[in-house]
Amino acid sequence: MEPVPHTVAAHESGTKQVDHAVARALELFGKRWTGLIVAVLLGGPAHFAELRRGIPGISERMLSDRLTELGAAQLVVREVHGGPPLRVSYRLTEAGAALESVFKELSRWAKRHLRESQQSSAADDKPAACVSTCRRGPPISRGP
């Protein structure tokens, strides 16, 4: 099987090396919860509490940390809306929204190539369970 163009580069010595752009993207999206946050925000701006409800299992601190990282990567913008009460929402930047086609293709790939127990589906409404299963493997039966 041939590598996808631009994902592997040949070093001067002939040794194949991963493309640095792919490595940077996977460094960001390889962190737990990051992709799920972007996936929820692809549906439009959301308040912090809406994001927490949309991603069961994520803690407030982790959500805050990941939103900060996505902001630093210029994929998410935090917007403060005057009150009272003061409201904060998050939305994807143009660069973040450009990931929509990537996420659609990733979803198609997962539906074709991953077992159902490894897939996260919006219809299942259980992304945290999938992330846990995909990261650590299926739960171990402890017996009766």
N, C-alpha and C. Protein backbone atom coordinates (compact mmCIF):
# COMPACT_ATOMS: atom_id res chain seq x y z
N MET A 1 0.85 -1.18 0.00
CA MET A 1 0.00 0.00 0.00
C MET A 1 0.89 1.24 0.00
N GLU A 2 0.61 2.15 -0.86
CA GLU A 2 1.38 3.39 -0.98
C GLU A 2 0.96 4.37 0.12
N PRO A 3 1.91 5.12 0.68
CA PRO A 3 1.54 6.12 1.69
C PRO A 3 0.71 7.24 1.07
N VAL A 4 -0.13 7.86 1.88
CA VAL A 4 -0.91 9.00 1.43
C VAL A 4 0.06 10.12 1.10
N PRO A 5 -0.10 10.81 -0.03
CA PRO A 5 0.82 11.89 -0.37
C PRO A 5 0.96 12.89 0.77
N HIS A 6 2.17 13.32 0.99
CA HIS A 6 2.51 14.35 1.97
C HIS A 6 2.43 13.89 3.42
N THR A 7 2.24 12.59 3.68
CA THR A 7 2.26 12.14 5.07
C THR A 7 3.60 11.53 5.43
N VAL A 8 4.37 11.13 4.42
CA VAL A 8 5.69 10.57 4.64
C VAL A 8 6.65 11.28 3.70
N ALA A 9 7.77 11.72 4.24
CA ALA A 9 8.78 12.38 3.43
C ALA A 9 10.05 11.56 3.47
N ALA A 10 10.77 11.55 2.36
CA ALA A 10 12.04 10.83 2.33
C ALA A 10 13.14 11.76 2.79
N HIS A 11 13.93 11.28 3.72
CA HIS A 11 15.09 12.02 4.22
C HIS A 11 16.20 11.90 3.19
N GLU A 12 17.19 12.76 3.25
CA GLU A 12 18.30 12.71 2.30
C GLU A 12 18.95 11.33 2.27
N SER A 13 18.96 10.63 3.39
CA SER A 13 19.59 9.31 3.46
C SER A 13 18.69 8.23 2.85
N GLY A 14 17.48 8.59 2.46
CA GLY A 14 16.54 7.62 1.91
C GLY A 14 15.60 7.05 2.96
N THR A 15 15.83 7.39 4.22
CA THR A 15 14.96 6.92 5.29
C THR A 15 13.64 7.68 5.23
N LYS A 16 12.56 6.96 5.37
CA LYS A 16 11.24 7.60 5.36
C LYS A 16 10.98 8.22 6.72
N GLN A 17 10.43 9.43 6.72
CA GLN A 17 10.09 10.13 7.95
C GLN A 17 8.70 10.71 7.82
N VAL A 18 8.02 10.82 8.95
CA VAL A 18 6.68 11.38 8.95
C VAL A 18 6.75 12.87 8.60
N ASP A 19 5.74 13.33 7.91
CA ASP A 19 5.63 14.75 7.57
C ASP A 19 5.41 15.54 8.86
N HIS A 20 6.15 16.63 9.03
CA HIS A 20 6.06 17.41 10.26
C HIS A 20 4.69 18.05 10.46
N ALA A 21 4.00 18.40 9.39
CA ALA A 21 2.66 18.97 9.53
C ALA A 21 1.69 17.94 10.11
N VAL A 22 1.80 16.70 9.65
CA VAL A 22 0.96 15.63 10.19
C VAL A 22 1.29 15.41 11.66
N ALA A 23 2.55 15.41 12.00
CA ALA A 23 2.96 15.23 13.39
C ALA A 23 2.39 16.33 14.28
N ARG A 24 2.40 17.59 13.81
CA ARG A 24 1.86 18.70 14.60
C ARG A 24 0.36 18.53 14.81
N ALA A 25 -0.34 18.15 13.75
CA ALA A 25 -1.80 17.96 13.86
C ALA A 25 -2.13 16.83 14.82
N LEU A 26 -1.39 15.74 14.74
CA LEU A 26 -1.67 14.61 15.63
C LEU A 26 -1.25 14.90 17.06
N GLU A 27 -0.28 15.75 17.25
CA GLU A 27 0.10 16.15 18.60
C GLU A 27 -1.07 16.87 19.28
N LEU A 28 -1.77 17.71 18.54
CA LEU A 28 -2.92 18.42 19.09
C LEU A 28 -4.13 17.50 19.23
N PHE A 29 -4.47 16.79 18.15
CA PHE A 29 -5.69 15.99 18.15
C PHE A 29 -5.52 14.62 18.77
N GLY A 30 -4.30 14.26 19.12
CA GLY A 30 -4.06 13.00 19.81
C GLY A 30 -4.40 13.07 21.29
N LYS A 31 -4.65 14.26 21.77
CA LYS A 31 -5.02 14.43 23.18
C LYS A 31 -6.49 14.08 23.36
N ARG A 32 -6.76 13.36 24.45
CA ARG A 32 -8.12 12.95 24.73
C ARG A 32 -9.04 14.17 24.81
N TRP A 33 -10.21 14.07 24.23
CA TRP A 33 -11.30 15.05 24.25
C TRP A 33 -11.18 16.12 23.17
N THR A 34 -10.00 16.42 22.68
CA THR A 34 -9.83 17.54 21.76
C THR A 34 -10.71 17.39 20.52
N GLY A 35 -10.65 16.24 19.89
CA GLY A 35 -11.46 16.02 18.68
C GLY A 35 -12.94 16.08 18.96
N LEU A 36 -13.36 15.58 20.12
CA LEU A 36 -14.78 15.61 20.46
C LEU A 36 -15.28 17.04 20.66
N ILE A 37 -14.43 17.89 21.24
CA ILE A 37 -14.81 19.30 21.42
C ILE A 37 -15.01 19.95 20.07
N VAL A 38 -14.07 19.74 19.15
CA VAL A 38 -14.19 20.31 17.82
C VAL A 38 -15.43 19.75 17.12
N ALA A 39 -15.66 18.45 17.27
CA ALA A 39 -16.84 17.83 16.64
C ALA A 39 -18.13 18.48 17.11
N VAL A 40 -18.25 18.75 18.41
CA VAL A 40 -19.45 19.41 18.93
C VAL A 40 -19.55 20.82 18.37
N LEU A 41 -18.44 21.54 18.34
CA LEU A 41 -18.46 22.93 17.86
C LEU A 41 -18.68 23.03 16.36
N LEU A 42 -18.48 21.94 15.62
CA LEU A 42 -18.82 21.97 14.19
C LEU A 42 -20.31 22.18 13.99
N GLY A 43 -21.11 21.88 15.01
CA GLY A 43 -22.55 22.12 14.96
C GLY A 43 -22.94 23.56 15.25
N GLY A 44 -21.96 24.39 15.59
CA GLY A 44 -22.22 25.80 15.86
C GLY A 44 -21.71 26.19 17.24
N PRO A 45 -21.75 27.49 17.53
CA PRO A 45 -21.25 27.98 18.83
C PRO A 45 -21.99 27.31 19.99
N ALA A 46 -21.27 27.19 21.11
CA ALA A 46 -21.87 26.56 22.28
C ALA A 46 -21.33 27.21 23.55
N HIS A 47 -22.17 27.24 24.58
CA HIS A 47 -21.74 27.70 25.89
C HIS A 47 -21.00 26.55 26.57
N PHE A 48 -20.23 26.88 27.58
CA PHE A 48 -19.43 25.91 28.30
C PHE A 48 -20.29 24.74 28.79
N ALA A 49 -21.42 25.04 29.41
CA ALA A 49 -22.30 23.99 29.94
C ALA A 49 -22.84 23.10 28.82
N GLU A 50 -23.11 23.68 27.67
CA GLU A 50 -23.59 22.88 26.53
C GLU A 50 -22.50 21.93 26.05
N LEU A 51 -21.27 22.39 26.06
CA LEU A 51 -20.16 21.52 25.68
C LEU A 51 -20.02 20.37 26.68
N ARG A 52 -20.14 20.66 27.95
CA ARG A 52 -20.05 19.60 28.97
C ARG A 52 -21.14 18.57 28.78
N ARG A 53 -22.35 19.03 28.50
CA ARG A 53 -23.46 18.09 28.27
C ARG A 53 -23.26 17.31 26.98
N GLY A 54 -22.66 17.94 25.98
CA GLY A 54 -22.44 17.28 24.69
C GLY A 54 -21.31 16.27 24.70
N ILE A 55 -20.47 16.33 25.73
CA ILE A 55 -19.33 15.42 25.84
C ILE A 55 -19.36 14.78 27.22
N PRO A 56 -20.23 13.80 27.43
CA PRO A 56 -20.34 13.17 28.75
C PRO A 56 -19.01 12.61 29.21
N GLY A 57 -18.71 12.84 30.48
CA GLY A 57 -17.50 12.29 31.06
C GLY A 57 -16.34 13.27 31.14
N ILE A 58 -16.41 14.38 30.43
CA ILE A 58 -15.32 15.35 30.49
C ILE A 58 -15.50 16.22 31.73
N SER A 59 -14.41 16.46 32.44
CA SER A 59 -14.49 17.32 33.63
C SER A 59 -14.44 18.78 33.21
N GLU A 60 -14.89 19.65 34.09
CA GLU A 60 -14.84 21.09 33.81
C GLU A 60 -13.41 21.54 33.56
N ARG A 61 -12.49 21.07 34.39
CA ARG A 61 -11.09 21.47 34.24
C ARG A 61 -10.52 21.01 32.90
N MET A 62 -10.79 19.76 32.53
CA MET A 62 -10.27 19.24 31.26
C MET A 62 -10.87 20.00 30.08
N LEU A 63 -12.16 20.29 30.14
CA LEU A 63 -12.80 21.05 29.08
C LEU A 63 -12.16 22.43 28.98
N SER A 64 -11.96 23.07 30.11
CA SER A 64 -11.33 24.39 30.12
C SER A 64 -9.91 24.33 29.54
N ASP A 65 -9.14 23.32 29.96
CA ASP A 65 -7.77 23.17 29.45
C ASP A 65 -7.75 22.95 27.94
N ARG A 66 -8.63 22.08 27.46
CA ARG A 66 -8.65 21.78 26.02
C ARG A 66 -9.13 22.99 25.21
N LEU A 67 -10.10 23.72 25.73
CA LEU A 67 -10.55 24.93 25.04
C LEU A 67 -9.43 25.96 24.97
N THR A 68 -8.64 26.07 26.03
CA THR A 68 -7.50 26.98 26.04
C THR A 68 -6.48 26.56 24.98
N GLU A 69 -6.19 25.26 24.90
CA GLU A 69 -5.26 24.75 23.89
C GLU A 69 -5.77 24.99 22.48
N LEU A 70 -7.07 24.76 22.26
CA LEU A 70 -7.65 24.99 20.94
C LEU A 70 -7.64 26.48 20.59
N GLY A 71 -7.80 27.33 21.60
CA GLY A 71 -7.70 28.76 21.39
C GLY A 71 -6.28 29.17 21.01
N ALA A 72 -5.29 28.60 21.71
CA ALA A 72 -3.89 28.90 21.41
C ALA A 72 -3.52 28.44 20.00
N ALA A 73 -4.15 27.36 19.54
CA ALA A 73 -3.92 26.86 18.18
C ALA A 73 -4.75 27.62 17.15
N GLN A 74 -5.50 28.60 17.60
CA GLN A 74 -6.36 29.45 16.76
C GLN A 74 -7.44 28.66 16.02
N LEU A 75 -7.98 27.65 16.71
CA LEU A 75 -9.08 26.88 16.16
C LEU A 75 -10.40 27.22 16.81
N VAL A 76 -10.35 27.78 18.03
CA VAL A 76 -11.55 28.13 18.78
C VAL A 76 -11.41 29.55 19.31
N VAL A 77 -12.53 30.28 19.32
CA VAL A 77 -12.57 31.63 19.87
C VAL A 77 -13.55 31.64 21.03
N ARG A 78 -13.15 32.28 22.12
CA ARG A 78 -14.00 32.47 23.29
C ARG A 78 -14.64 33.84 23.16
N GLU A 79 -15.97 33.90 23.24
CA GLU A 79 -16.69 35.17 23.11
C GLU A 79 -17.50 35.43 24.37
N VAL A 80 -17.35 36.63 24.92
CA VAL A 80 -18.09 37.03 26.11
C VAL A 80 -19.26 37.89 25.67
N HIS A 81 -20.46 37.52 26.13
CA HIS A 81 -21.68 38.24 25.80
C HIS A 81 -22.17 38.97 27.04
N GLY A 82 -22.42 40.26 26.88
CA GLY A 82 -22.86 41.08 28.02
C GLY A 82 -24.13 40.56 28.65
N GLY A 83 -24.28 40.84 29.88
CA GLY A 83 -25.41 40.35 30.66
C GLY A 83 -26.24 41.49 31.17
N PRO A 84 -26.86 41.38 32.27
CA PRO A 84 -26.75 40.18 33.08
C PRO A 84 -27.65 39.07 32.56
N PRO A 85 -27.33 37.85 32.78
CA PRO A 85 -26.05 37.38 33.29
C PRO A 85 -25.01 37.39 32.17
N LEU A 86 -23.77 37.49 32.56
CA LEU A 86 -22.66 37.44 31.63
C LEU A 86 -22.58 36.02 31.07
N ARG A 87 -22.51 35.90 29.76
CA ARG A 87 -22.47 34.57 29.12
C ARG A 87 -21.21 34.45 28.27
N VAL A 88 -20.63 33.27 28.26
CA VAL A 88 -19.45 33.00 27.46
C VAL A 88 -19.79 31.86 26.50
N SER A 89 -19.45 32.04 25.25
CA SER A 89 -19.65 30.96 24.28
C SER A 89 -18.34 30.72 23.53
N TYR A 90 -18.29 29.58 22.87
CA TYR A 90 -17.11 29.18 22.12
C TYR A 90 -17.57 28.83 20.71
N ARG A 91 -16.74 29.22 19.76
CA ARG A 91 -17.04 28.89 18.36
C ARG A 91 -15.74 28.59 17.64
N LEU A 92 -15.87 27.88 16.54
CA LEU A 92 -14.70 27.58 15.73
C LEU A 92 -14.30 28.79 14.91
N THR A 93 -13.01 28.97 14.73
CA THR A 93 -12.51 30.00 13.82
C THR A 93 -12.64 29.44 12.41
N GLU A 94 -12.25 30.21 11.44
CA GLU A 94 -12.27 29.73 10.05
C GLU A 94 -11.38 28.49 9.91
N ALA A 95 -10.22 28.51 10.57
CA ALA A 95 -9.32 27.34 10.53
C ALA A 95 -9.97 26.13 11.19
N GLY A 96 -10.68 26.34 12.29
CA GLY A 96 -11.36 25.24 12.97
C GLY A 96 -12.50 24.68 12.12
N ALA A 97 -13.27 25.57 11.52
CA ALA A 97 -14.38 25.14 10.67
C ALA A 97 -13.89 24.39 9.43
N ALA A 98 -12.66 24.69 9.02
CA ALA A 98 -12.10 24.00 7.85
C ALA A 98 -11.86 22.52 8.12
N LEU A 99 -11.94 22.11 9.37
CA LEU A 99 -11.78 20.70 9.74
C LEU A 99 -13.04 19.87 9.48
N GLU A 100 -14.13 20.51 9.11
CA GLU A 100 -15.38 19.78 8.91
C GLU A 100 -15.22 18.62 7.93
N SER A 101 -14.58 18.86 6.81
CA SER A 101 -14.42 17.78 5.82
C SER A 101 -13.54 16.66 6.36
N VAL A 102 -12.56 17.01 7.18
CA VAL A 102 -11.69 16.00 7.80
C VAL A 102 -12.51 15.12 8.74
N PHE A 103 -13.36 15.74 9.56
CA PHE A 103 -14.17 14.99 10.51
C PHE A 103 -15.21 14.13 9.78
N LYS A 104 -15.77 14.63 8.69
CA LYS A 104 -16.73 13.83 7.92
C LYS A 104 -16.03 12.61 7.33
N GLU A 105 -14.84 12.81 6.79
CA GLU A 105 -14.09 11.69 6.22
C GLU A 105 -13.67 10.70 7.31
N LEU A 106 -13.27 11.20 8.47
CA LEU A 106 -12.89 10.34 9.58
C LEU A 106 -14.10 9.50 10.03
N SER A 107 -15.27 10.10 10.04
CA SER A 107 -16.49 9.37 10.39
C SER A 107 -16.77 8.27 9.37
N ARG A 108 -16.66 8.60 8.09
CA ARG A 108 -16.87 7.57 7.05
C ARG A 108 -15.87 6.43 7.20
N TRP A 109 -14.62 6.79 7.45
CA TRP A 109 -13.58 5.77 7.62
C TRP A 109 -13.90 4.86 8.81
N ALA A 110 -14.27 5.47 9.94
CA ALA A 110 -14.56 4.70 11.15
C ALA A 110 -15.74 3.75 10.93
N LYS A 111 -16.77 4.22 10.24
CA LYS A 111 -17.93 3.37 9.98
C LYS A 111 -17.55 2.17 9.12
N ARG A 112 -16.59 2.34 8.23
CA ARG A 112 -16.17 1.25 7.34
C ARG A 112 -15.14 0.33 7.97
N HIS A 113 -14.27 0.85 8.82
CA HIS A 113 -13.10 0.07 9.23
C HIS A 113 -12.99 -0.26 10.72
N LEU A 114 -13.79 0.35 11.57
CA LEU A 114 -13.72 0.05 13.00
C LEU A 114 -14.95 -0.74 13.42
N ARG A 115 -14.72 -1.68 14.33
CA ARG A 115 -15.86 -2.42 14.87
C ARG A 115 -16.79 -1.45 15.56
N GLU A 116 -18.05 -1.78 15.63
CA GLU A 116 -19.06 -0.91 16.24
C GLU A 116 -18.70 -0.53 17.67
N SER A 117 -18.12 -1.45 18.43
CA SER A 117 -17.77 -1.16 19.82
C SER A 117 -16.64 -0.14 19.92
N GLN A 118 -15.93 0.13 18.82
CA GLN A 118 -14.85 1.10 18.83
C GLN A 118 -15.28 2.45 18.28
N GLN A 119 -16.48 2.54 17.75
CA GLN A 119 -16.93 3.76 17.11
C GLN A 119 -17.66 4.68 18.07
N SER A 120 -17.48 5.97 17.85
CA SER A 120 -18.27 6.97 18.56
C SER A 120 -19.32 7.46 17.59
N SER A 121 -20.56 7.45 18.01
CA SER A 121 -21.63 7.87 17.13
C SER A 121 -22.48 8.91 17.82
N ALA A 122 -22.77 9.97 17.12
CA ALA A 122 -23.64 11.00 17.69
C ALA A 122 -25.00 10.40 18.01
N ALA A 123 -25.43 9.42 17.23
CA ALA A 123 -26.71 8.78 17.49
C ALA A 123 -26.68 8.00 18.79
N ASP A 124 -25.52 7.43 19.13
CA ASP A 124 -25.40 6.69 20.37
C ASP A 124 -25.41 7.60 21.57
N ASP A 125 -24.96 8.84 21.38
CA ASP A 125 -24.89 9.83 22.45
C ASP A 125 -24.01 9.35 23.59
N LYS A 126 -22.96 8.57 23.25
CA LYS A 126 -22.06 8.03 24.27
C LYS A 126 -20.60 8.26 23.88
N PRO A 127 -20.18 9.49 23.55
CA PRO A 127 -18.80 9.66 23.11
C PRO A 127 -17.79 9.33 24.18
N ALA A 128 -18.07 9.58 25.43
CA ALA A 128 -17.10 9.32 26.48
C ALA A 128 -16.83 7.82 26.60
N ALA A 129 -17.88 7.01 26.46
CA ALA A 129 -17.70 5.57 26.54
C ALA A 129 -16.83 5.08 25.40
N CYS A 130 -17.02 5.63 24.23
CA CYS A 130 -16.22 5.22 23.09
C CYS A 130 -14.78 5.64 23.28
N VAL A 131 -14.56 6.86 23.73
CA VAL A 131 -13.19 7.32 23.93
C VAL A 131 -12.50 6.41 24.92
N SER A 132 -13.18 6.07 25.99
CA SER A 132 -12.61 5.18 26.99
C SER A 132 -12.29 3.82 26.38
N THR A 133 -13.21 3.27 25.61
CA THR A 133 -13.02 1.97 24.98
C THR A 133 -11.91 2.03 23.95
N CYS A 134 -11.91 3.06 23.12
CA CYS A 134 -10.91 3.17 22.07
C CYS A 134 -9.52 3.36 22.65
N ARG A 135 -9.39 4.11 23.73
CA ARG A 135 -8.09 4.41 24.32
C ARG A 135 -7.54 3.22 25.10
N ARG A 136 -8.40 2.56 25.87
CA ARG A 136 -7.91 1.56 26.82
C ARG A 136 -8.31 0.14 26.48
N GLY A 137 -9.11 -0.05 25.45
CA GLY A 137 -9.60 -1.38 25.13
C GLY A 137 -10.91 -1.63 25.85
N PRO A 138 -11.55 -2.75 25.56
CA PRO A 138 -12.85 -3.03 26.16
C PRO A 138 -12.71 -3.29 27.66
N PRO A 139 -13.81 -3.07 28.40
CA PRO A 139 -13.77 -3.31 29.83
C PRO A 139 -13.47 -4.77 30.13
N ILE A 140 -12.80 -5.03 31.22
CA ILE A 140 -12.47 -6.38 31.62
C ILE A 140 -13.57 -6.89 32.53
N SER A 141 -14.06 -8.07 32.24
CA SER A 141 -15.09 -8.68 33.07
C SER A 141 -14.45 -9.17 34.35
N ARG A 142 -15.03 -8.79 35.47
CA ARG A 142 -14.51 -9.17 36.79
C ARG A 142 -15.19 -10.41 37.33
N GLY A 143 -16.10 -10.99 36.59
CA GLY A 143 -16.79 -12.19 37.05
C GLY A 143 -17.99 -11.85 37.90
N PRO A 144 -18.71 -12.89 38.41
CA PRO A 144 -19.93 -12.66 39.18
C PRO A 144 -19.66 -12.07 40.54
